[in-house]
Amino acid sequence: MLPKLNSGIGPDLRLTHPMGHGARAVGAVTIGDLAIIGASSIVTRDTHSNNTPVGIPGRIISEQNLRRNEAP
């Protein structure tokens, strides 16, 4: 679990993270640094850094958001 930094009213969005068209973060969830949210996804749980949740509810499909030409 990520530490909660907000008051629990709405989502806590960390550093830069692209959200696809129509994506939503519902409730008091924390979206970690550099997480990429898939289009039309609904995130209902905390998402750690560098993860990619997609779908309804958002499920993690990638745990390292690296470009294909970058070394791990």
PDB file of N, CA and C in Angstrom:
ATOM      1  N   MET A   1       0.828  -1.185   0.000  1.00  0.00           N
ATOM      2  CA  MET A   1       0.000   0.000   0.000  1.00  0.00           C
ATOM      3  C   MET A   1       0.874   1.250   0.000  1.00  0.00           C
ATOM      4  N   LEU A   2       0.448   2.228  -0.757  1.00  0.00           N
ATOM      5  CA  LEU A   2       1.135   3.508  -0.772  1.00  0.00           C
ATOM      6  C   LEU A   2       0.605   4.372   0.363  1.00  0.00           C
ATOM      7  N   PRO A   3       1.444   5.203   0.949  1.00  0.00           N
ATOM      8  CA  PRO A   3       0.955   6.086   2.012  1.00  0.00           C
ATOM      9  C   PRO A   3      -0.003   7.122   1.447  1.00  0.00           C
ATOM     10  N   LYS A   4      -1.075   7.375   2.158  1.00  0.00           N
ATOM     11  CA  LYS A   4      -2.056   8.364   1.727  1.00  0.00           C
ATOM     12  C   LYS A   4      -1.577   9.759   2.089  1.00  0.00           C
ATOM     13  N   LEU A   5      -1.547  10.650   1.108  1.00  0.00           N
ATOM     14  CA  LEU A   5      -1.129  12.020   1.349  1.00  0.00           C
ATOM     15  C   LEU A   5      -2.290  12.995   1.274  1.00  0.00           C
ATOM     16  N   ASN A   6      -3.431  12.543   0.774  1.00  0.00           N
ATOM     17  CA  ASN A   6      -4.560  13.455   0.647  1.00  0.00           C
ATOM     18  C   ASN A   6      -5.561  13.222   1.777  1.00  0.00           C
ATOM     19  N   SER A   7      -6.636  13.954   1.760  1.00  0.00           N
ATOM     20  CA  SER A   7      -7.627  13.886   2.829  1.00  0.00           C
ATOM     21  C   SER A   7      -8.577  12.712   2.683  1.00  0.00           C
ATOM     22  N   GLY A   8      -8.463  11.937   1.613  1.00  0.00           N
ATOM     23  CA  GLY A   8      -9.351  10.800   1.417  1.00  0.00           C
ATOM     24  C   GLY A   8     -10.603  11.137   0.639  1.00  0.00           C
ATOM     25  N   ILE A   9     -10.707  12.350   0.151  1.00  0.00           N
ATOM     26  CA  ILE A   9     -11.905  12.766  -0.572  1.00  0.00           C
ATOM     27  C   ILE A   9     -11.840  12.354  -2.036  1.00  0.00           C
ATOM     28  N   GLY A  10     -10.695  12.540  -2.666  1.00  0.00           N
ATOM     29  CA  GLY A  10     -10.563  12.213  -4.081  1.00  0.00           C
ATOM     30  C   GLY A  10      -9.234  11.563  -4.356  1.00  0.00           C
ATOM     31  N   PRO A  11      -8.913  11.333  -5.624  1.00  0.00           N
ATOM     32  CA  PRO A  11      -7.658  10.673  -5.977  1.00  0.00           C
ATOM     33  C   PRO A  11      -6.431  11.529  -5.666  1.00  0.00           C
ATOM     34  N   ASP A  12      -5.342  10.856  -5.343  1.00  0.00           N
ATOM     35  CA  ASP A  12      -4.055  11.511  -5.094  1.00  0.00           C
ATOM     36  C   ASP A  12      -3.160  11.180  -6.278  1.00  0.00           C
ATOM     37  N   LEU A  13      -2.945  12.142  -7.149  1.00  0.00           N
ATOM     38  CA  LEU A  13      -2.164  11.935  -8.357  1.00  0.00           C
ATOM     39  C   LEU A  13      -0.757  12.440  -8.120  1.00  0.00           C
ATOM     40  N   ARG A  14       0.225  11.553  -8.259  1.00  0.00           N
ATOM     41  CA  ARG A  14       1.618  11.905  -7.990  1.00  0.00           C
ATOM     42  C   ARG A  14       2.203  12.651  -9.187  1.00  0.00           C
ATOM     43  N   LEU A  15       3.474  12.446  -9.498  1.00  0.00           N
ATOM     44  CA  LEU A  15       4.140  13.148 -10.595  1.00  0.00           C
ATOM     45  C   LEU A  15       3.458  12.873 -11.925  1.00  0.00           C
ATOM     46  N   THR A  16       4.140  13.198 -12.989  1.00  0.00           N
ATOM     47  CA  THR A  16       3.555  13.065 -14.320  1.00  0.00           C
ATOM     48  C   THR A  16       3.087  11.644 -14.591  1.00  0.00           C
ATOM     49  N   HIS A  17       1.914  11.525 -15.098  1.00  0.00           N
ATOM     50  CA  HIS A  17       1.377  10.231 -15.508  1.00  0.00           C
ATOM     51  C   HIS A  17       0.305  10.493 -16.556  1.00  0.00           C
ATOM     52  N   PRO A  18       0.470   9.928 -17.734  1.00  0.00           N
ATOM     53  CA  PRO A  18      -0.561  10.110 -18.752  1.00  0.00           C
ATOM     54  C   PRO A  18      -1.787   9.253 -18.451  1.00  0.00           C
ATOM     55  N   MET A  19      -2.947   9.851 -18.627  1.00  0.00           N
ATOM     56  CA  MET A  19      -4.200   9.114 -18.503  1.00  0.00           C
ATOM     57  C   MET A  19      -4.840   9.086 -19.880  1.00  0.00           C
ATOM     58  N   GLY A  20      -5.225   7.899 -20.313  1.00  0.00           N
ATOM     59  CA  GLY A  20      -5.862   7.753 -21.607  1.00  0.00           C
ATOM     60  C   GLY A  20      -7.206   8.459 -21.650  1.00  0.00           C
ATOM     61  N   HIS A  21      -7.723   8.660 -22.846  1.00  0.00           N
ATOM     62  CA  HIS A  21      -8.998   9.348 -23.049  1.00  0.00           C
ATOM     63  C   HIS A  21     -10.112   8.610 -22.303  1.00  0.00           C
ATOM     64  N   GLY A  22     -10.858   9.322 -21.506  1.00  0.00           N
ATOM     65  CA  GLY A  22     -11.998   8.757 -20.790  1.00  0.00           C
ATOM     66  C   GLY A  22     -11.628   7.992 -19.532  1.00  0.00           C
ATOM     67  N   ALA A  23     -10.369   7.974 -19.136  1.00  0.00           N
ATOM     68  CA  ALA A  23      -9.949   7.259 -17.928  1.00  0.00           C
ATOM     69  C   ALA A  23     -10.397   8.016 -16.687  1.00  0.00           C
ATOM     70  N   ARG A  24     -10.682   7.263 -15.608  1.00  0.00           N
ATOM     71  CA  ARG A  24     -11.135   7.862 -14.363  1.00  0.00           C
ATOM     72  C   ARG A  24     -10.412   7.214 -13.186  1.00  0.00           C
ATOM     73  N   ALA A  25     -10.170   8.011 -12.159  1.00  0.00           N
ATOM     74  CA  ALA A  25      -9.682   7.514 -10.874  1.00  0.00           C
ATOM     75  C   ALA A  25     -10.811   7.760  -9.885  1.00  0.00           C
ATOM     76  N   VAL A  26     -11.345   6.689  -9.294  1.00  0.00           N
ATOM     77  CA  VAL A  26     -12.537   6.784  -8.471  1.00  0.00           C
ATOM     78  C   VAL A  26     -12.181   6.591  -6.999  1.00  0.00           C
ATOM     79  N   GLY A  27     -12.630   7.507  -6.165  1.00  0.00           N
ATOM     80  CA  GLY A  27     -12.425   7.389  -4.725  1.00  0.00           C
ATOM     81  C   GLY A  27     -11.067   7.898  -4.285  1.00  0.00           C
ATOM     82  N   ALA A  28     -10.683   7.510  -3.086  1.00  0.00           N
ATOM     83  CA  ALA A  28      -9.428   7.968  -2.481  1.00  0.00           C
ATOM     84  C   ALA A  28      -8.302   7.017  -2.852  1.00  0.00           C
ATOM     85  N   VAL A  29      -7.972   6.960  -4.132  1.00  0.00           N
ATOM     86  CA  VAL A  29      -6.891   6.098  -4.612  1.00  0.00           C
ATOM     87  C   VAL A  29      -5.644   6.935  -4.840  1.00  0.00           C
ATOM     88  N   THR A  30      -4.478   6.284  -4.777  1.00  0.00           N
ATOM     89  CA  THR A  30      -3.215   6.940  -5.049  1.00  0.00           C
ATOM     90  C   THR A  30      -2.637   6.352  -6.318  1.00  0.00           C
ATOM     91  N   ILE A  31      -2.313   7.217  -7.270  1.00  0.00           N
ATOM     92  CA  ILE A  31      -1.693   6.789  -8.522  1.00  0.00           C
ATOM     93  C   ILE A  31      -0.240   7.210  -8.452  1.00  0.00           C
ATOM     94  N   GLY A  32       0.673   6.237  -8.469  1.00  0.00           N
ATOM     95  CA  GLY A  32       2.097   6.480  -8.272  1.00  0.00           C
ATOM     96  C   GLY A  32       2.752   7.225  -9.421  1.00  0.00           C
ATOM     97  N   ASP A  33       4.011   7.581  -9.202  1.00  0.00           N
ATOM     98  CA  ASP A  33       4.799   8.324 -10.182  1.00  0.00           C
ATOM     99  C   ASP A  33       4.915   7.544 -11.487  1.00  0.00           C
ATOM    100  N   LEU A  34       4.747   8.238 -12.598  1.00  0.00           N
ATOM    101  CA  LEU A  34       4.938   7.701 -13.944  1.00  0.00           C
ATOM    102  C   LEU A  34       4.057   6.512 -14.272  1.00  0.00           C
ATOM    103  N   ALA A  35       2.943   6.358 -13.581  1.00  0.00           N
ATOM    104  CA  ALA A  35       1.979   5.316 -13.942  1.00  0.00           C
ATOM    105  C   ALA A  35       1.229   5.765 -15.195  1.00  0.00           C
ATOM    106  N   ILE A  36       0.930   4.836 -16.075  1.00  0.00           N
ATOM    107  CA  ILE A  36       0.208   5.135 -17.309  1.00  0.00           C
ATOM    108  C   ILE A  36      -1.162   4.465 -17.215  1.00  0.00           C
ATOM    109  N   ILE A  37      -2.230   5.258 -17.272  1.00  0.00           N
ATOM    110  CA  ILE A  37      -3.587   4.747 -17.152  1.00  0.00           C
ATOM    111  C   ILE A  37      -4.157   4.545 -18.547  1.00  0.00           C
ATOM    112  N   GLY A  38      -4.637   3.337 -18.841  1.00  0.00           N
ATOM    113  CA  GLY A  38      -5.173   3.026 -20.162  1.00  0.00           C
ATOM    114  C   GLY A  38      -6.458   3.782 -20.465  1.00  0.00           C
ATOM    115  N   ALA A  39      -6.755   3.953 -21.738  1.00  0.00           N
ATOM    116  CA  ALA A  39      -7.957   4.665 -22.172  1.00  0.00           C
ATOM    117  C   ALA A  39      -9.208   3.964 -21.660  1.00  0.00           C
ATOM    118  N   SER A  40     -10.184   4.741 -21.224  1.00  0.00           N
ATOM    119  CA  SER A  40     -11.476   4.279 -20.716  1.00  0.00           C
ATOM    120  C   SER A  40     -11.360   3.382 -19.493  1.00  0.00           C
ATOM    121  N   SER A  41     -10.231   3.407 -18.803  1.00  0.00           N
ATOM    122  CA  SER A  41     -10.044   2.590 -17.606  1.00  0.00           C
ATOM    123  C   SER A  41     -10.624   3.302 -16.393  1.00  0.00           C
ATOM    124  N   ILE A  42     -11.025   2.513 -15.399  1.00  0.00           N
ATOM    125  CA  ILE A  42     -11.493   3.060 -14.141  1.00  0.00           C
ATOM    126  C   ILE A  42     -10.624   2.463 -13.048  1.00  0.00           C
ATOM    127  N   VAL A  43      -9.809   3.323 -12.421  1.00  0.00           N
ATOM    128  CA  VAL A  43      -8.889   2.879 -11.379  1.00  0.00           C
ATOM    129  C   VAL A  43      -9.607   2.977 -10.041  1.00  0.00           C
ATOM    130  N   THR A  44      -9.743   1.837  -9.341  1.00  0.00           N
ATOM    131  CA  THR A  44     -10.454   1.801  -8.069  1.00  0.00           C
ATOM    132  C   THR A  44      -9.546   1.424  -6.907  1.00  0.00           C
ATOM    133  N   ARG A  45      -8.280   1.081  -7.194  1.00  0.00           N
ATOM    134  CA  ARG A  45      -7.321   0.723  -6.141  1.00  0.00           C
ATOM    135  C   ARG A  45      -6.035   1.509  -6.348  1.00  0.00           C
ATOM    136  N   ASP A  46      -5.197   1.556  -5.315  1.00  0.00           N
ATOM    137  CA  ASP A  46      -3.910   2.236  -5.418  1.00  0.00           C
ATOM    138  C   ASP A  46      -3.058   1.605  -6.510  1.00  0.00           C
ATOM    139  N   THR A  47      -2.344   2.434  -7.242  1.00  0.00           N
ATOM    140  CA  THR A  47      -1.460   1.987  -8.313  1.00  0.00           C
ATOM    141  C   THR A  47      -0.050   2.460  -7.998  1.00  0.00           C
ATOM    142  N   HIS A  48       0.899   1.541  -7.956  1.00  0.00           N
ATOM    143  CA  HIS A  48       2.279   1.881  -7.636  1.00  0.00           C
ATOM    144  C   HIS A  48       2.959   2.551  -8.821  1.00  0.00           C
ATOM    145  N   SER A  49       4.142   3.052  -8.582  1.00  0.00           N
ATOM    146  CA  SER A  49       4.920   3.727  -9.619  1.00  0.00           C
ATOM    147  C   SER A  49       5.235   2.793 -10.773  1.00  0.00           C
ATOM    148  N   ASN A  50       5.272   3.344 -11.973  1.00  0.00           N
ATOM    149  CA  ASN A  50       5.650   2.637 -13.204  1.00  0.00           C
ATOM    150  C   ASN A  50       4.737   1.474 -13.562  1.00  0.00           C
ATOM    151  N   ASN A  51       3.492   1.491 -13.113  1.00  0.00           N
ATOM    152  CA  ASN A  51       2.536   0.447 -13.482  1.00  0.00           C
ATOM    153  C   ASN A  51       1.585   0.965 -14.546  1.00  0.00           C
ATOM    154  N   THR A  52       0.948   0.029 -15.252  1.00  0.00           N
ATOM    155  CA  THR A  52      -0.034   0.377 -16.265  1.00  0.00           C
ATOM    156  C   THR A  52      -1.332  -0.376 -16.002  1.00  0.00           C
ATOM    157  N   PRO A  53      -2.328   0.263 -15.352  1.00  0.00           N
ATOM    158  CA  PRO A  53      -3.627  -0.379 -15.184  1.00  0.00           C
ATOM    159  C   PRO A  53      -4.532  -0.094 -16.383  1.00  0.00           C
ATOM    160  N   VAL A  54      -5.278  -1.101 -16.820  1.00  0.00           N
ATOM    161  CA  VAL A  54      -6.245  -0.942 -17.903  1.00  0.00           C
ATOM    162  C   VAL A  54      -7.511  -1.700 -17.549  1.00  0.00           C
ATOM    163  N   GLY A  55      -8.621  -1.296 -18.141  1.00  0.00           N
ATOM    164  CA  GLY A  55      -9.888  -2.001 -17.980  1.00  0.00           C
ATOM    165  C   GLY A  55     -10.748  -1.430 -16.878  1.00  0.00           C
ATOM    166  N   ILE A  56     -11.871  -2.150 -16.653  1.00  0.00           N
ATOM    167  CA  ILE A  56     -12.832  -1.762 -15.629  1.00  0.00           C
ATOM    168  C   ILE A  56     -13.085  -2.983 -14.760  1.00  0.00           C
ATOM    169  N   PRO A  57     -12.679  -3.021 -13.523  1.00  0.00           N
ATOM    170  CA  PRO A  57     -11.797  -2.075 -12.850  1.00  0.00           C
ATOM    171  C   PRO A  57     -10.376  -2.221 -13.363  1.00  0.00           C
ATOM    172  N   GLY A  58      -9.546  -1.219 -13.144  1.00  0.00           N
ATOM    173  CA  GLY A  58      -8.178  -1.210 -13.661  1.00  0.00           C
ATOM    174  C   GLY A  58      -7.345  -2.366 -13.120  1.00  0.00           C
ATOM    175  N   ARG A  59      -6.781  -3.168 -14.015  1.00  0.00           N
ATOM    176  CA  ARG A  59      -5.890  -4.262 -13.641  1.00  0.00           C
ATOM    177  C   ARG A  59      -4.515  -3.967 -14.202  1.00  0.00           C
ATOM    178  N   ILE A  60      -3.484  -4.312 -13.449  1.00  0.00           N
ATOM    179  CA  ILE A  60      -2.105  -4.036 -13.849  1.00  0.00           C
ATOM    180  C   ILE A  60      -1.700  -4.988 -14.969  1.00  0.00           C
ATOM    181  N   ILE A  61      -1.287  -4.431 -16.119  1.00  0.00           N
ATOM    182  CA  ILE A  61      -0.803  -5.271 -17.207  1.00  0.00           C
ATOM    183  C   ILE A  61       0.698  -5.142 -17.389  1.00  0.00           C
ATOM    184  N   SER A  62       1.284  -4.092 -16.836  1.00  0.00           N
ATOM    185  CA  SER A  62       2.729  -3.887 -16.951  1.00  0.00           C
ATOM    186  C   SER A  62       3.222  -3.254 -15.661  1.00  0.00           C
ATOM    187  N   GLU A  63       4.351  -3.761 -15.147  1.00  0.00           N
ATOM    188  CA  GLU A  63       4.894  -3.223 -13.911  1.00  0.00           C
ATOM    189  C   GLU A  63       6.136  -2.386 -14.135  1.00  0.00           C
ATOM    190  N   GLN A  64       6.607  -2.284 -15.371  1.00  0.00           N
ATOM    191  CA  GLN A  64       7.739  -1.417 -15.694  1.00  0.00           C
ATOM    192  C   GLN A  64       7.441  -0.715 -16.997  1.00  0.00           C
ATOM    193  N   ASN A  65       7.170   0.567 -16.912  1.00  0.00           N
ATOM    194  CA  ASN A  65       6.861   1.352 -18.105  1.00  0.00           C
ATOM    195  C   ASN A  65       8.156   1.802 -18.770  1.00  0.00           C
ATOM    196  N   LEU A  66       8.768   0.906 -19.505  1.00  0.00           N
ATOM    197  CA  LEU A  66       9.996   1.224 -20.224  1.00  0.00           C
ATOM    198  C   LEU A  66       9.721   1.166 -21.715  1.00  0.00           C
ATOM    199  N   ARG A  67      10.390   2.000 -22.460  1.00  0.00           N
ATOM    200  CA  ARG A  67      10.280   1.910 -23.915  1.00  0.00           C
ATOM    201  C   ARG A  67      11.008   0.661 -24.379  1.00  0.00           C
ATOM    202  N   ARG A  68      10.623   0.148 -25.502  1.00  0.00           N
ATOM    203  CA  ARG A  68      11.222  -1.097 -25.990  1.00  0.00           C
ATOM    204  C   ARG A  68      12.717  -0.997 -26.233  1.00  0.00           C
ATOM    205  N   ASN A  69      13.215   0.194 -26.572  1.00  0.00           N
ATOM    206  CA  ASN A  69      14.636   0.321 -26.859  1.00  0.00           C
ATOM    207  C   ASN A  69      15.470   0.701 -25.641  1.00  0.00           C
ATOM    208  N   GLU A  70      14.846   0.800 -24.449  1.00  0.00           N
ATOM    209  CA  GLU A  70      15.585   1.108 -23.229  1.00  0.00           C
ATOM    210  C   GLU A  70      16.017  -0.171 -22.546  1.00  0.00           C
ATOM    211  N   ALA A  71      17.191  -0.157 -21.972  1.00  0.00           N
ATOM    212  CA  ALA A  71      17.673  -1.315 -21.216  1.00  0.00           C
ATOM    213  C   ALA A  71      17.032  -1.309 -19.841  1.00  0.00           C
ATOM    214  N   PRO A  72      16.698  -2.486 -19.281  1.00  0.00           N
ATOM    215  CA  PRO A  72      16.089  -2.529 -17.952  1.00  0.00           C
ATOM    216  C   PRO A  72      17.042  -2.122 -16.852  1.00  0.00           C
TER     217      PRO A  72
END
